[in-house]
Amino acid sequence: MATKLSNEIIAAAIQGYEAQKQQIDAKLDELRGMLAPRTSESEAAPRKRRKRRLSPEGRRRIIEATKRRWAAVRAAKEKEAKRSASAKG
């Protein structure tokens, strides 16, 4: 009989926790609604973001910065390789 009582207590605990979970979820939804209230159905749908376009000058600056960054990485690797080669030799 101890296992049946134990199972009943576990089942009751599960039901209690499920009820608490539903209450918490309802309160969370309410709070989220307070953060970003939506007044109409048209606002309920997510907005499409406009594609951002770079000017040719902006693109060129990004490319140049990337090239400089990788050149620095390659130079550091070569410098480290020369150090290790001279230390071995």
PDB file of N, CA and C in Angstrom:
ATOM      1  N   MET A   1       0.815  -1.184   0.000  1.00  0.00           N
ATOM      2  CA  MET A   1       0.000   0.000   0.000  1.00  0.00           C
ATOM      3  C   MET A   1       0.868   1.261   0.000  1.00  0.00           C
ATOM      4  N   ALA A   2       2.079   1.164   0.479  1.00  0.00           N
ATOM      5  CA  ALA A   2       2.957   2.323   0.537  1.00  0.00           C
ATOM      6  C   ALA A   2       3.281   2.831  -0.869  1.00  0.00           C
ATOM      7  N   THR A   3       3.444   1.926  -1.841  1.00  0.00           N
ATOM      8  CA  THR A   3       3.760   2.374  -3.198  1.00  0.00           C
ATOM      9  C   THR A   3       2.562   3.038  -3.850  1.00  0.00           C
ATOM     10  N   LYS A   4       1.334   2.562  -3.565  1.00  0.00           N
ATOM     11  CA  LYS A   4       0.149   3.179  -4.146  1.00  0.00           C
ATOM     12  C   LYS A   4      -0.037   4.586  -3.588  1.00  0.00           C
ATOM     13  N   LEU A   5       0.180   4.752  -2.309  1.00  0.00           N
ATOM     14  CA  LEU A   5       0.074   6.056  -1.689  1.00  0.00           C
ATOM     15  C   LEU A   5       1.155   6.977  -2.257  1.00  0.00           C
ATOM     16  N   SER A   6       2.323   6.432  -2.429  1.00  0.00           N
ATOM     17  CA  SER A   6       3.424   7.196  -2.981  1.00  0.00           C
ATOM     18  C   SER A   6       3.108   7.638  -4.411  1.00  0.00           C
ATOM     19  N   ASN A   7       2.549   6.732  -5.210  1.00  0.00           N
ATOM     20  CA  ASN A   7       2.187   7.076  -6.592  1.00  0.00           C
ATOM     21  C   ASN A   7       1.085   8.121  -6.620  1.00  0.00           C
ATOM     22  N   GLU A   8       0.150   8.043  -5.708  1.00  0.00           N
ATOM     23  CA  GLU A   8      -0.928   9.032  -5.651  1.00  0.00           C
ATOM     24  C   GLU A   8      -0.375  10.398  -5.277  1.00  0.00           C
ATOM     25  N   ILE A   9       0.552  10.416  -4.352  1.00  0.00           N
ATOM     26  CA  ILE A   9       1.156  11.683  -3.946  1.00  0.00           C
ATOM     27  C   ILE A   9       1.946  12.290  -5.110  1.00  0.00           C
ATOM     28  N   ILE A  10       2.656  11.431  -5.822  1.00  0.00           N
ATOM     29  CA  ILE A  10       3.426  11.917  -6.975  1.00  0.00           C
ATOM     30  C   ILE A  10       2.491  12.471  -8.040  1.00  0.00           C
ATOM     31  N   ALA A  11       1.397  11.770  -8.318  1.00  0.00           N
ATOM     32  CA  ALA A  11       0.430  12.235  -9.324  1.00  0.00           C
ATOM     33  C   ALA A  11      -0.175  13.566  -8.900  1.00  0.00           C
ATOM     34  N   ALA A  12      -0.495  13.709  -7.625  1.00  0.00           N
ATOM     35  CA  ALA A  12      -1.064  14.962  -7.129  1.00  0.00           C
ATOM     36  C   ALA A  12      -0.041  16.092  -7.232  1.00  0.00           C
ATOM     37  N   ALA A  13       1.207  15.787  -6.929  1.00  0.00           N
ATOM     38  CA  ALA A  13       2.254  16.796  -7.030  1.00  0.00           C
ATOM     39  C   ALA A  13       2.420  17.257  -8.474  1.00  0.00           C
ATOM     40  N   ILE A  14       2.370  16.307  -9.397  1.00  0.00           N
ATOM     41  CA  ILE A  14       2.492  16.659 -10.815  1.00  0.00           C
ATOM     42  C   ILE A  14       1.354  17.584 -11.223  1.00  0.00           C
ATOM     43  N   GLN A  15       0.141  17.261 -10.813  1.00  0.00           N
ATOM     44  CA  GLN A  15      -1.009  18.105 -11.147  1.00  0.00           C
ATOM     45  C   GLN A  15      -0.849  19.498 -10.554  1.00  0.00           C
ATOM     46  N   GLY A  16      -0.372  19.562  -9.328  1.00  0.00           N
ATOM     47  CA  GLY A  16      -0.168  20.863  -8.689  1.00  0.00           C
ATOM     48  C   GLY A  16       0.871  21.697  -9.408  1.00  0.00           C
ATOM     49  N   TYR A  17       1.961  21.062  -9.766  1.00  0.00           N
ATOM     50  CA  TYR A  17       3.008  21.791 -10.478  1.00  0.00           C
ATOM     51  C   TYR A  17       2.553  22.217 -11.873  1.00  0.00           C
ATOM     52  N   GLU A  18       1.772  21.390 -12.544  1.00  0.00           N
ATOM     53  CA  GLU A  18       1.244  21.771 -13.857  1.00  0.00           C
ATOM     54  C   GLU A  18       0.348  22.991 -13.730  1.00  0.00           C
ATOM     55  N   ALA A  19      -0.478  23.032 -12.686  1.00  0.00           N
ATOM     56  CA  ALA A  19      -1.353  24.189 -12.469  1.00  0.00           C
ATOM     57  C   ALA A  19      -0.522  25.442 -12.209  1.00  0.00           C
ATOM     58  N   GLN A  20       0.524  25.303 -11.403  1.00  0.00           N
ATOM     59  CA  GLN A  20       1.400  26.443 -11.144  1.00  0.00           C
ATOM     60  C   GLN A  20       2.089  26.903 -12.425  1.00  0.00           C
ATOM     61  N   LYS A  21       2.491  25.942 -13.238  1.00  0.00           N
ATOM     62  CA  LYS A  21       3.164  26.274 -14.492  1.00  0.00           C
ATOM     63  C   LYS A  21       2.237  27.067 -15.405  1.00  0.00           C
ATOM     64  N   GLN A  22       0.967  26.661 -15.470  1.00  0.00           N
ATOM     65  CA  GLN A  22       0.013  27.382 -16.305  1.00  0.00           C
ATOM     66  C   GLN A  22      -0.198  28.804 -15.794  1.00  0.00           C
ATOM     67  N   GLN A  23      -0.246  28.961 -14.475  1.00  0.00           N
ATOM     68  CA  GLN A  23      -0.407  30.297 -13.914  1.00  0.00           C
ATOM     69  C   GLN A  23       0.815  31.163 -14.221  1.00  0.00           C
ATOM     70  N   ILE A  24       1.992  30.582 -14.084  1.00  0.00           N
ATOM     71  CA  ILE A  24       3.221  31.329 -14.370  1.00  0.00           C
ATOM     72  C   ILE A  24       3.270  31.710 -15.845  1.00  0.00           C
ATOM     73  N   ASP A  25       2.920  30.779 -16.742  1.00  0.00           N
ATOM     74  CA  ASP A  25       2.923  31.078 -18.175  1.00  0.00           C
ATOM     75  C   ASP A  25       1.949  32.210 -18.495  1.00  0.00           C
ATOM     76  N   ALA A  26       0.783  32.198 -17.855  1.00  0.00           N
ATOM     77  CA  ALA A  26      -0.201  33.252 -18.092  1.00  0.00           C
ATOM     78  C   ALA A  26       0.350  34.600 -17.636  1.00  0.00           C
ATOM     79  N   LYS A  27       1.012  34.632 -16.489  1.00  0.00           N
ATOM     80  CA  LYS A  27       1.582  35.885 -15.992  1.00  0.00           C
ATOM     81  C   LYS A  27       2.731  36.356 -16.878  1.00  0.00           C
ATOM     82  N   LEU A  28       3.538  35.417 -17.368  1.00  0.00           N
ATOM     83  CA  LEU A  28       4.620  35.793 -18.281  1.00  0.00           C
ATOM     84  C   LEU A  28       4.065  36.399 -19.566  1.00  0.00           C
ATOM     85  N   ASP A  29       3.016  35.802 -20.109  1.00  0.00           N
ATOM     86  CA  ASP A  29       2.395  36.346 -21.317  1.00  0.00           C
ATOM     87  C   ASP A  29       1.859  37.747 -21.057  1.00  0.00           C
ATOM     88  N   GLU A  30       1.278  37.942 -19.890  1.00  0.00           N
ATOM     89  CA  GLU A  30       0.741  39.254 -19.533  1.00  0.00           C
ATOM     90  C   GLU A  30       1.869  40.290 -19.457  1.00  0.00           C
ATOM     91  N   LEU A  31       2.971  39.923 -18.837  1.00  0.00           N
ATOM     92  CA  LEU A  31       4.101  40.843 -18.731  1.00  0.00           C
ATOM     93  C   LEU A  31       4.718  41.135 -20.087  1.00  0.00           C
ATOM     94  N   ARG A  32       4.809  40.111 -20.927  1.00  0.00           N
ATOM     95  CA  ARG A  32       5.352  40.341 -22.275  1.00  0.00           C
ATOM     96  C   ARG A  32       4.456  41.282 -23.058  1.00  0.00           C
ATOM     97  N   GLY A  33       3.142  41.157 -22.841  1.00  0.00           N
ATOM     98  CA  GLY A  33       2.210  42.062 -23.497  1.00  0.00           C
ATOM     99  C   GLY A  33       2.392  43.490 -23.031  1.00  0.00           C
ATOM    100  N   MET A  34       2.790  43.668 -21.775  1.00  0.00           N
ATOM    101  CA  MET A  34       3.016  45.013 -21.262  1.00  0.00           C
ATOM    102  C   MET A  34       4.271  45.634 -21.861  1.00  0.00           C
ATOM    103  N   LEU A  35       5.258  44.807 -22.178  1.00  0.00           N
ATOM    104  CA  LEU A  35       6.483  45.320 -22.769  1.00  0.00           C
ATOM    105  C   LEU A  35       6.258  45.809 -24.193  1.00  0.00           C
ATOM    106  N   ALA A  36       5.567  45.039 -24.976  1.00  0.00           N
ATOM    107  CA  ALA A  36       5.363  45.384 -26.384  1.00  0.00           C
ATOM    108  C   ALA A  36       3.889  45.238 -26.723  1.00  0.00           C
ATOM    109  N   PRO A  37       3.060  46.189 -26.300  1.00  0.00           N
ATOM    110  CA  PRO A  37       1.632  46.063 -26.606  1.00  0.00           C
ATOM    111  C   PRO A  37       1.368  46.239 -28.097  1.00  0.00           C
ATOM    112  N   ARG A  38       0.492  45.422 -28.600  1.00  0.00           N
ATOM    113  CA  ARG A  38       0.115  45.496 -30.017  1.00  0.00           C
ATOM    114  C   ARG A  38      -1.350  45.877 -30.088  1.00  0.00           C
ATOM    115  N   THR A  39      -1.634  46.928 -30.836  1.00  0.00           N
ATOM    116  CA  THR A  39      -2.993  47.448 -30.851  1.00  0.00           C
ATOM    117  C   THR A  39      -3.829  46.904 -31.993  1.00  0.00           C
ATOM    118  N   SER A  40      -3.197  46.507 -33.081  1.00  0.00           N
ATOM    119  CA  SER A  40      -3.984  46.020 -34.208  1.00  0.00           C
ATOM    120  C   SER A  40      -3.405  44.717 -34.724  1.00  0.00           C
ATOM    121  N   GLU A  41      -4.179  44.040 -35.548  1.00  0.00           N
ATOM    122  CA  GLU A  41      -3.732  42.764 -36.096  1.00  0.00           C
ATOM    123  C   GLU A  41      -2.592  42.949 -37.080  1.00  0.00           C
ATOM    124  N   SER A  42      -2.556  44.102 -37.747  1.00  0.00           N
ATOM    125  CA  SER A  42      -1.495  44.327 -38.721  1.00  0.00           C
ATOM    126  C   SER A  42      -0.139  44.397 -38.037  1.00  0.00           C
ATOM    127  N   GLU A  43      -0.114  44.852 -36.793  1.00  0.00           N
ATOM    128  CA  GLU A  43       1.138  44.919 -36.070  1.00  0.00           C
ATOM    129  C   GLU A  43       1.533  43.570 -35.500  1.00  0.00           C
ATOM    130  N   ALA A  44       0.590  42.638 -35.426  1.00  0.00           N
ATOM    131  CA  ALA A  44       0.882  41.328 -34.855  1.00  0.00           C
ATOM    132  C   ALA A  44       1.822  40.536 -35.760  1.00  0.00           C
ATOM    133  N   ALA A  45       1.740  40.758 -37.056  1.00  0.00           N
ATOM    134  CA  ALA A  45       2.616  40.056 -37.995  1.00  0.00           C
ATOM    135  C   ALA A  45       3.999  40.700 -37.941  1.00  0.00           C
ATOM    136  N   PRO A  46       5.044  39.897 -38.004  1.00  0.00           N
ATOM    137  CA  PRO A  46       6.385  40.481 -37.966  1.00  0.00           C
ATOM    138  C   PRO A  46       6.642  41.324 -39.204  1.00  0.00           C
ATOM    139  N   ARG A  47       7.330  42.414 -39.001  1.00  0.00           N
ATOM    140  CA  ARG A  47       7.621  43.306 -40.121  1.00  0.00           C
ATOM    141  C   ARG A  47       8.805  42.786 -40.898  1.00  0.00           C
ATOM    142  N   LYS A  48       8.763  42.990 -42.200  1.00  0.00           N
ATOM    143  CA  LYS A  48       9.903  42.608 -43.030  1.00  0.00           C
ATOM    144  C   LYS A  48      10.938  43.713 -42.921  1.00  0.00           C
ATOM    145  N   ARG A  49      12.169  43.297 -42.730  1.00  0.00           N
ATOM    146  CA  ARG A  49      13.237  44.273 -42.635  1.00  0.00           C
ATOM    147  C   ARG A  49      13.730  44.612 -44.032  1.00  0.00           C
ATOM    148  N   ARG A  50      13.971  45.881 -44.226  1.00  0.00           N
ATOM    149  CA  ARG A  50      14.516  46.293 -45.507  1.00  0.00           C
ATOM    150  C   ARG A  50      15.964  45.863 -45.587  1.00  0.00           C
ATOM    151  N   LYS A  51      16.357  45.439 -46.759  1.00  0.00           N
ATOM    152  CA  LYS A  51      17.737  45.006 -46.960  1.00  0.00           C
ATOM    153  C   LYS A  51      18.643  46.233 -46.957  1.00  0.00           C
ATOM    154  N   ARG A  52      19.676  46.148 -46.140  1.00  0.00           N
ATOM    155  CA  ARG A  52      20.605  47.257 -46.073  1.00  0.00           C
ATOM    156  C   ARG A  52      21.598  47.150 -47.220  1.00  0.00           C
ATOM    157  N   ARG A  53      21.858  48.261 -47.836  1.00  0.00           N
ATOM    158  CA  ARG A  53      22.788  48.282 -48.966  1.00  0.00           C
ATOM    159  C   ARG A  53      23.984  49.139 -48.599  1.00  0.00           C
ATOM    160  N   LEU A  54      25.150  48.651 -48.978  1.00  0.00           N
ATOM    161  CA  LEU A  54      26.378  49.399 -48.740  1.00  0.00           C
ATOM    162  C   LEU A  54      26.720  50.230 -49.970  1.00  0.00           C
ATOM    163  N   SER A  55      27.271  51.367 -49.697  1.00  0.00           N
ATOM    164  CA  SER A  55      27.762  52.165 -50.816  1.00  0.00           C
ATOM    165  C   SER A  55      29.058  51.510 -51.304  1.00  0.00           C
ATOM    166  N   PRO A  56      29.432  51.777 -52.534  1.00  0.00           N
ATOM    167  CA  PRO A  56      30.694  51.203 -53.036  1.00  0.00           C
ATOM    168  C   PRO A  56      31.884  51.604 -52.170  1.00  0.00           C
ATOM    169  N   GLU A  57      31.867  52.834 -51.653  1.00  0.00           N
ATOM    170  CA  GLU A  57      32.961  53.285 -50.799  1.00  0.00           C
ATOM    171  C   GLU A  57      32.996  52.495 -49.486  1.00  0.00           C
ATOM    172  N   GLY A  58      31.844  52.257 -48.900  1.00  0.00           N
ATOM    173  CA  GLY A  58      31.779  51.474 -47.663  1.00  0.00           C
ATOM    174  C   GLY A  58      32.257  50.052 -47.884  1.00  0.00           C
ATOM    175  N   ARG A  59      31.842  49.469 -48.985  1.00  0.00           N
ATOM    176  CA  ARG A  59      32.285  48.105 -49.315  1.00  0.00           C
ATOM    177  C   ARG A  59      33.797  48.060 -49.505  1.00  0.00           C
ATOM    178  N   ARG A  60      34.341  49.062 -50.180  1.00  0.00           N
ATOM    179  CA  ARG A  60      35.783  49.124 -50.419  1.00  0.00           C
ATOM    180  C   ARG A  60      36.538  49.222 -49.091  1.00  0.00           C
ATOM    181  N   ARG A  61      36.036  50.042 -48.167  1.00  0.00           N
ATOM    182  CA  ARG A  61      36.702  50.181 -46.861  1.00  0.00           C
ATOM    183  C   ARG A  61      36.689  48.859 -46.091  1.00  0.00           C
ATOM    184  N   ILE A  62      35.580  48.147 -46.163  1.00  0.00           N
ATOM    185  CA  ILE A  62      35.488  46.854 -45.474  1.00  0.00           C
ATOM    186  C   ILE A  62      36.481  45.866 -46.074  1.00  0.00           C
ATOM    187  N   ILE A  63      36.572  45.835 -47.398  1.00  0.00           N
ATOM    188  CA  ILE A  63      37.501  44.918 -48.077  1.00  0.00           C
ATOM    189  C   ILE A  63      38.938  45.253 -47.698  1.00  0.00           C
ATOM    190  N   GLU A  64      39.271  46.543 -47.701  1.00  0.00           N
ATOM    191  CA  GLU A  64      40.639  46.936 -47.353  1.00  0.00           C
ATOM    192  C   GLU A  64      40.968  46.585 -45.903  1.00  0.00           C
ATOM    193  N   ALA A  65      40.039  46.805 -44.998  1.00  0.00           N
ATOM    194  CA  ALA A  65      40.274  46.477 -43.591  1.00  0.00           C
ATOM    195  C   ALA A  65      40.466  44.976 -43.413  1.00  0.00           C
ATOM    196  N   THR A  66      39.687  44.191 -44.145  1.00  0.00           N
ATOM    197  CA  THR A  66      39.823  42.735 -44.069  1.00  0.00           C
ATOM    198  C   THR A  66      41.192  42.297 -44.579  1.00  0.00           C
ATOM    199  N   LYS A  67      41.623  42.885 -45.677  1.00  0.00           N
ATOM    200  CA  LYS A  67      42.941  42.544 -46.228  1.00  0.00           C
ATOM    201  C   LYS A  67      44.044  42.899 -45.245  1.00  0.00           C
ATOM    202  N   ARG A  68      43.950  44.089 -44.608  1.00  0.00           N
ATOM    203  CA  ARG A  68      44.962  44.478 -43.618  1.00  0.00           C
ATOM    204  C   ARG A  68      44.971  43.526 -42.436  1.00  0.00           C
ATOM    205  N   ARG A  69      43.790  43.130 -41.990  1.00  0.00           N
ATOM    206  CA  ARG A  69      43.693  42.228 -40.838  1.00  0.00           C
ATOM    207  C   ARG A  69      44.344  40.885 -41.158  1.00  0.00           C
ATOM    208  N   TRP A  70      44.034  40.310 -42.327  1.00  0.00           N
ATOM    209  CA  TRP A  70      44.620  39.017 -42.686  1.00  0.00           C
ATOM    210  C   TRP A  70      46.112  39.139 -42.959  1.00  0.00           C
ATOM    211  N   ALA A  71      46.556  40.266 -43.489  1.00  0.00           N
ATOM    212  CA  ALA A  71      47.988  40.462 -43.706  1.00  0.00           C
ATOM    213  C   ALA A  71      48.714  40.468 -42.368  1.00  0.00           C
ATOM    214  N   ALA A  72      48.116  41.068 -41.360  1.00  0.00           N
ATOM    215  CA  ALA A  72      48.728  41.082 -40.029  1.00  0.00           C
ATOM    216  C   ALA A  72      48.783  39.675 -39.442  1.00  0.00           C
ATOM    217  N   VAL A  73      47.752  38.890 -39.677  1.00  0.00           N
ATOM    218  CA  VAL A  73      47.746  37.512 -39.183  1.00  0.00           C
ATOM    219  C   VAL A  73      48.840  36.706 -39.867  1.00  0.00           C
ATOM    220  N   ARG A  74      48.949  36.840 -41.185  1.00  0.00           N
ATOM    221  CA  ARG A  74      49.984  36.104 -41.917  1.00  0.00           C
ATOM    222  C   ARG A  74      51.379  36.551 -41.487  1.00  0.00           C
ATOM    223  N   ALA A  75      51.572  37.849 -41.273  1.00  0.00           N
ATOM    224  CA  ALA A  75      52.885  38.351 -40.855  1.00  0.00           C
ATOM    225  C   ALA A  75      53.245  37.802 -39.474  1.00  0.00           C
ATOM    226  N   ALA A  76      52.290  37.735 -38.592  1.00  0.00           N
ATOM    227  CA  ALA A  76      52.556  37.196 -37.253  1.00  0.00           C
ATOM    228  C   ALA A  76      52.929  35.721 -37.335  1.00  0.00           C
ATOM    229  N   LYS A  77      52.259  34.976 -38.201  1.00  0.00           N
ATOM    230  CA  LYS A  77      52.581  33.555 -38.363  1.00  0.00           C
ATOM    231  C   LYS A  77      53.988  33.383 -38.927  1.00  0.00           C
ATOM    232  N   GLU A  78      54.351  34.201 -39.923  1.00  0.00           N
ATOM    233  CA  GLU A  78      55.683  34.106 -40.509  1.00  0.00           C
ATOM    234  C   GLU A  78      56.753  34.466 -39.485  1.00  0.00           C
ATOM    235  N   LYS A  79      56.490  35.482 -38.694  1.00  0.00           N
ATOM    236  CA  LYS A  79      57.439  35.899 -37.672  1.00  0.00           C
ATOM    237  C   LYS A  79      57.631  34.787 -36.642  1.00  0.00           C
ATOM    238  N   GLU A  80      56.542  34.150 -36.249  1.00  0.00           N
ATOM    239  CA  GLU A  80      56.613  33.042 -35.287  1.00  0.00           C
ATOM    240  C   GLU A  80      57.356  31.854 -35.897  1.00  0.00           C
ATOM    241  N   ALA A  81      57.127  31.590 -37.178  1.00  0.00           N
ATOM    242  CA  ALA A  81      57.816  30.484 -37.842  1.00  0.00           C
ATOM    243  C   ALA A  81      59.320  30.744 -37.901  1.00  0.00           C
ATOM    244  N   LYS A  82      59.713  31.998 -38.164  1.00  0.00           N
ATOM    245  CA  LYS A  82      61.138  32.328 -38.220  1.00  0.00           C
ATOM    246  C   LYS A  82      61.771  32.184 -36.847  1.00  0.00           C
ATOM    247  N   ARG A  83      61.054  32.588 -35.809  1.00  0.00           N
ATOM    248  CA  ARG A  83      61.568  32.461 -34.441  1.00  0.00           C
ATOM    249  C   ARG A  83      61.791  30.993 -34.071  1.00  0.00           C
ATOM    250  N   SER A  84      60.796  30.160 -34.389  1.00  0.00           N
ATOM    251  CA  SER A  84      60.911  28.750 -34.036  1.00  0.00           C
ATOM    252  C   SER A  84      62.000  28.059 -34.862  1.00  0.00           C
ATOM    253  N   ALA A  85      62.173  28.483 -36.111  1.00  0.00           N
ATOM    254  CA  ALA A  85      63.216  27.892 -36.957  1.00  0.00           C
ATOM    255  C   ALA A  85      64.605  28.278 -36.455  1.00  0.00           C
ATOM    256  N   SER A  86      64.774  29.527 -36.030  1.00  0.00           N
ATOM    257  CA  SER A  86      66.083  29.944 -35.529  1.00  0.00           C
ATOM    258  C   SER A  86      66.366  29.349 -34.161  1.00  0.00           C
ATOM    259  N   ALA A  87      65.360  29.090 -33.374  1.00  0.00           N
ATOM    260  CA  ALA A  87      65.556  28.487 -32.063  1.00  0.00           C
ATOM    261  C   ALA A  87      65.939  27.015 -32.200  1.00  0.00           C
ATOM    262  N   LYS A  88      65.410  26.348 -33.216  1.00  0.00           N
ATOM    263  CA  LYS A  88      65.733  24.942 -33.437  1.00  0.00           C
ATOM    264  C   LYS A  88      67.146  24.765 -33.994  1.00  0.00           C
ATOM    265  N   GLY A  89      67.525  25.707 -34.881  1.00  0.00           N
ATOM    266  CA  GLY A  89      68.760  25.578 -35.616  1.00  0.00           C
ATOM    267  C   GLY A  89      69.959  25.904 -34.837  1.00  0.00           C
TER     268      GLY A  89
END
